[in-house]
Amino acid sequence: MDVIITFNKQIIKNKFKHPYTKIEFVEKDLKVSRITAANYLNKLSDDGILTKKKLGVTNYYINHELFDILSK
């Protein structure tokens, strides 16, 4: 069963704050549990909005559209 997520202004602001994010950033910024933050980011990744990359033990979620804009 897919996780049902209600997106609010905070998750949108977080998505455009940096060209990448990670669970800890969302957890702190949105004041949600680690599991909730991971669910948000994994859903965005599953939907193709962010790209999930594992580096060591940490998952990074890359916002390629924002990265492209900032790199121009």
N, C-alpha and C. Protein backbone atom coordinates (compact mmCIF):
# COMPACT_ATOMS: atom_id res chain seq x y z
N MET A 1 0.84 -1.17 0.00
CA MET A 1 0.00 0.00 0.00
C MET A 1 0.88 1.24 0.00
N ASP A 2 0.60 2.16 -0.90
CA ASP A 2 1.38 3.40 -0.99
C ASP A 2 1.14 4.28 0.22
N VAL A 3 2.19 4.99 0.59
CA VAL A 3 2.05 5.94 1.68
C VAL A 3 1.29 7.15 1.16
N ILE A 4 0.26 7.55 1.88
CA ILE A 4 -0.50 8.74 1.49
C ILE A 4 0.10 9.91 2.24
N ILE A 5 0.54 10.90 1.46
CA ILE A 5 1.21 12.05 2.06
C ILE A 5 0.45 13.32 1.72
N THR A 6 0.22 14.13 2.71
CA THR A 6 -0.35 15.44 2.50
C THR A 6 0.80 16.42 2.44
N PHE A 7 1.05 16.97 1.25
CA PHE A 7 2.15 17.91 1.11
C PHE A 7 1.68 19.29 1.54
N ASN A 8 2.55 19.98 2.24
CA ASN A 8 2.22 21.32 2.69
C ASN A 8 3.33 22.28 2.27
N LYS A 9 3.18 23.53 2.65
CA LYS A 9 4.17 24.54 2.26
C LYS A 9 5.57 24.19 2.76
N GLN A 10 5.67 23.57 3.91
CA GLN A 10 6.98 23.27 4.49
C GLN A 10 7.77 22.29 3.62
N ILE A 11 7.14 21.23 3.13
CA ILE A 11 7.87 20.25 2.31
C ILE A 11 8.27 20.88 0.99
N ILE A 12 7.44 21.74 0.44
CA ILE A 12 7.77 22.44 -0.80
C ILE A 12 8.95 23.38 -0.57
N LYS A 13 8.91 24.15 0.51
CA LYS A 13 10.02 25.06 0.82
C LYS A 13 11.31 24.28 1.01
N ASN A 14 11.24 23.14 1.69
CA ASN A 14 12.43 22.33 1.92
C ASN A 14 13.00 21.81 0.61
N LYS A 15 12.11 21.40 -0.30
CA LYS A 15 12.54 20.86 -1.59
C LYS A 15 13.32 21.88 -2.39
N PHE A 16 12.99 23.16 -2.25
CA PHE A 16 13.65 24.19 -3.04
C PHE A 16 14.68 24.99 -2.24
N LYS A 17 14.98 24.54 -1.05
CA LYS A 17 15.96 25.22 -0.22
C LYS A 17 17.39 24.94 -0.70
N HIS A 18 17.64 23.72 -1.12
CA HIS A 18 18.96 23.28 -1.58
C HIS A 18 18.75 22.35 -2.78
N PRO A 19 19.78 22.18 -3.60
CA PRO A 19 19.63 21.24 -4.72
C PRO A 19 19.60 19.78 -4.26
N TYR A 20 19.85 19.56 -2.99
CA TYR A 20 19.74 18.21 -2.44
C TYR A 20 19.23 18.34 -1.01
N THR A 21 18.73 17.24 -0.49
CA THR A 21 18.33 17.20 0.92
C THR A 21 18.59 15.81 1.43
N LYS A 22 18.40 15.62 2.68
CA LYS A 22 18.49 14.30 3.28
C LYS A 22 17.50 14.22 4.43
N ILE A 23 17.30 13.03 4.93
CA ILE A 23 16.27 12.79 5.94
C ILE A 23 16.42 13.72 7.13
N GLU A 24 17.64 13.91 7.58
CA GLU A 24 17.88 14.74 8.76
C GLU A 24 17.41 16.18 8.55
N PHE A 25 17.60 16.72 7.35
CA PHE A 25 17.18 18.09 7.05
C PHE A 25 15.66 18.22 7.15
N VAL A 26 14.96 17.28 6.52
CA VAL A 26 13.49 17.32 6.52
C VAL A 26 12.96 17.09 7.93
N GLU A 27 13.56 16.16 8.64
CA GLU A 27 13.17 15.87 10.02
C GLU A 27 13.26 17.14 10.88
N LYS A 28 14.37 17.86 10.75
CA LYS A 28 14.58 19.08 11.54
C LYS A 28 13.67 20.22 11.07
N ASP A 29 13.64 20.47 9.75
CA ASP A 29 12.89 21.60 9.21
C ASP A 29 11.38 21.46 9.42
N LEU A 30 10.87 20.25 9.27
CA LEU A 30 9.42 20.04 9.38
C LEU A 30 8.98 19.60 10.77
N LYS A 31 9.98 19.34 11.63
CA LYS A 31 9.69 18.87 12.99
C LYS A 31 8.82 17.61 12.96
N VAL A 32 9.28 16.64 12.15
CA VAL A 32 8.59 15.36 12.03
C VAL A 32 9.56 14.26 12.44
N SER A 33 9.04 13.06 12.62
CA SER A 33 9.89 11.93 12.99
C SER A 33 10.76 11.52 11.79
N ARG A 34 11.79 10.77 12.10
CA ARG A 34 12.68 10.28 11.05
C ARG A 34 11.91 9.42 10.04
N ILE A 35 11.01 8.59 10.53
CA ILE A 35 10.22 7.72 9.65
C ILE A 35 9.34 8.56 8.72
N THR A 36 8.70 9.60 9.24
CA THR A 36 7.86 10.47 8.42
C THR A 36 8.69 11.19 7.37
N ALA A 37 9.85 11.72 7.77
CA ALA A 37 10.73 12.41 6.83
C ALA A 37 11.17 11.46 5.72
N ALA A 38 11.54 10.25 6.08
CA ALA A 38 11.96 9.25 5.09
C ALA A 38 10.80 8.92 4.15
N ASN A 39 9.60 8.79 4.69
CA ASN A 39 8.43 8.51 3.85
C ASN A 39 8.18 9.63 2.86
N TYR A 40 8.26 10.88 3.31
CA TYR A 40 8.09 12.03 2.41
C TYR A 40 9.10 11.96 1.26
N LEU A 41 10.37 11.80 1.62
CA LEU A 41 11.43 11.83 0.60
C LEU A 41 11.36 10.62 -0.33
N ASN A 42 11.05 9.46 0.21
CA ASN A 42 10.93 8.27 -0.64
C ASN A 42 9.76 8.38 -1.59
N LYS A 43 8.66 8.99 -1.14
CA LYS A 43 7.51 9.19 -2.03
C LYS A 43 7.88 10.15 -3.16
N LEU A 44 8.57 11.24 -2.83
CA LEU A 44 9.02 12.18 -3.86
C LEU A 44 9.98 11.51 -4.83
N SER A 45 10.81 10.62 -4.33
CA SER A 45 11.72 9.87 -5.18
C SER A 45 10.96 8.88 -6.07
N ASP A 46 10.02 8.16 -5.48
CA ASP A 46 9.21 7.20 -6.24
C ASP A 46 8.42 7.89 -7.36
N ASP A 47 7.99 9.13 -7.11
CA ASP A 47 7.23 9.89 -8.09
C ASP A 47 8.11 10.59 -9.12
N GLY A 48 9.43 10.44 -8.99
CA GLY A 48 10.35 11.02 -9.96
C GLY A 48 10.67 12.49 -9.75
N ILE A 49 10.26 13.04 -8.62
CA ILE A 49 10.51 14.45 -8.34
C ILE A 49 11.93 14.65 -7.81
N LEU A 50 12.38 13.73 -6.98
CA LEU A 50 13.74 13.72 -6.47
C LEU A 50 14.41 12.42 -6.89
N THR A 51 15.74 12.43 -6.93
CA THR A 51 16.50 11.21 -7.22
C THR A 51 17.23 10.80 -5.95
N LYS A 52 17.02 9.57 -5.52
CA LYS A 52 17.64 9.06 -4.30
C LYS A 52 18.99 8.44 -4.63
N LYS A 53 20.03 8.90 -3.94
CA LYS A 53 21.38 8.36 -4.11
C LYS A 53 21.94 8.03 -2.74
N LYS A 54 22.54 6.85 -2.63
CA LYS A 54 23.14 6.45 -1.36
C LYS A 54 24.64 6.70 -1.44
N LEU A 55 25.17 7.41 -0.46
CA LEU A 55 26.60 7.67 -0.37
C LEU A 55 27.03 7.25 1.03
N GLY A 56 27.76 6.16 1.12
CA GLY A 56 28.09 5.60 2.42
C GLY A 56 26.83 5.07 3.06
N VAL A 57 26.53 5.56 4.24
CA VAL A 57 25.32 5.10 4.94
C VAL A 57 24.17 6.10 4.83
N THR A 58 24.41 7.20 4.13
CA THR A 58 23.43 8.28 4.04
C THR A 58 22.75 8.32 2.68
N ASN A 59 21.43 8.48 2.69
CA ASN A 59 20.68 8.70 1.45
C ASN A 59 20.57 10.19 1.20
N TYR A 60 20.89 10.60 -0.01
CA TYR A 60 20.72 11.98 -0.44
C TYR A 60 19.63 11.99 -1.48
N TYR A 61 18.82 13.04 -1.47
CA TYR A 61 17.71 13.18 -2.41
C TYR A 61 17.99 14.43 -3.23
N ILE A 62 18.23 14.23 -4.52
CA ILE A 62 18.68 15.31 -5.39
C ILE A 62 17.52 15.88 -6.18
N ASN A 63 17.42 17.20 -6.16
CA ASN A 63 16.43 17.94 -6.93
C ASN A 63 17.14 18.40 -8.21
N HIS A 64 17.09 17.57 -9.25
CA HIS A 64 17.82 17.86 -10.48
C HIS A 64 17.34 19.14 -11.17
N GLU A 65 16.06 19.42 -11.10
CA GLU A 65 15.55 20.64 -11.74
C GLU A 65 16.17 21.88 -11.11
N LEU A 66 16.21 21.92 -9.79
CA LEU A 66 16.82 23.06 -9.10
C LEU A 66 18.33 23.09 -9.34
N PHE A 67 18.96 21.93 -9.32
CA PHE A 67 20.40 21.86 -9.59
C PHE A 67 20.71 22.44 -10.97
N ASP A 68 19.91 22.08 -11.96
CA ASP A 68 20.13 22.60 -13.34
C ASP A 68 19.97 24.12 -13.38
N ILE A 69 18.97 24.64 -12.70
CA ILE A 69 18.75 26.09 -12.68
C ILE A 69 19.93 26.80 -12.02
N LEU A 70 20.40 26.28 -10.91
CA LEU A 70 21.50 26.91 -10.18
C LEU A 70 22.83 26.79 -10.91
N SER A 71 22.99 25.77 -11.74
CA SER A 71 24.27 25.56 -12.43
C SER A 71 24.37 26.35 -13.74
N LYS A 72 23.30 27.04 -14.14
CA LYS A 72 23.34 27.82 -15.38
C LYS A 72 23.99 29.17 -15.14
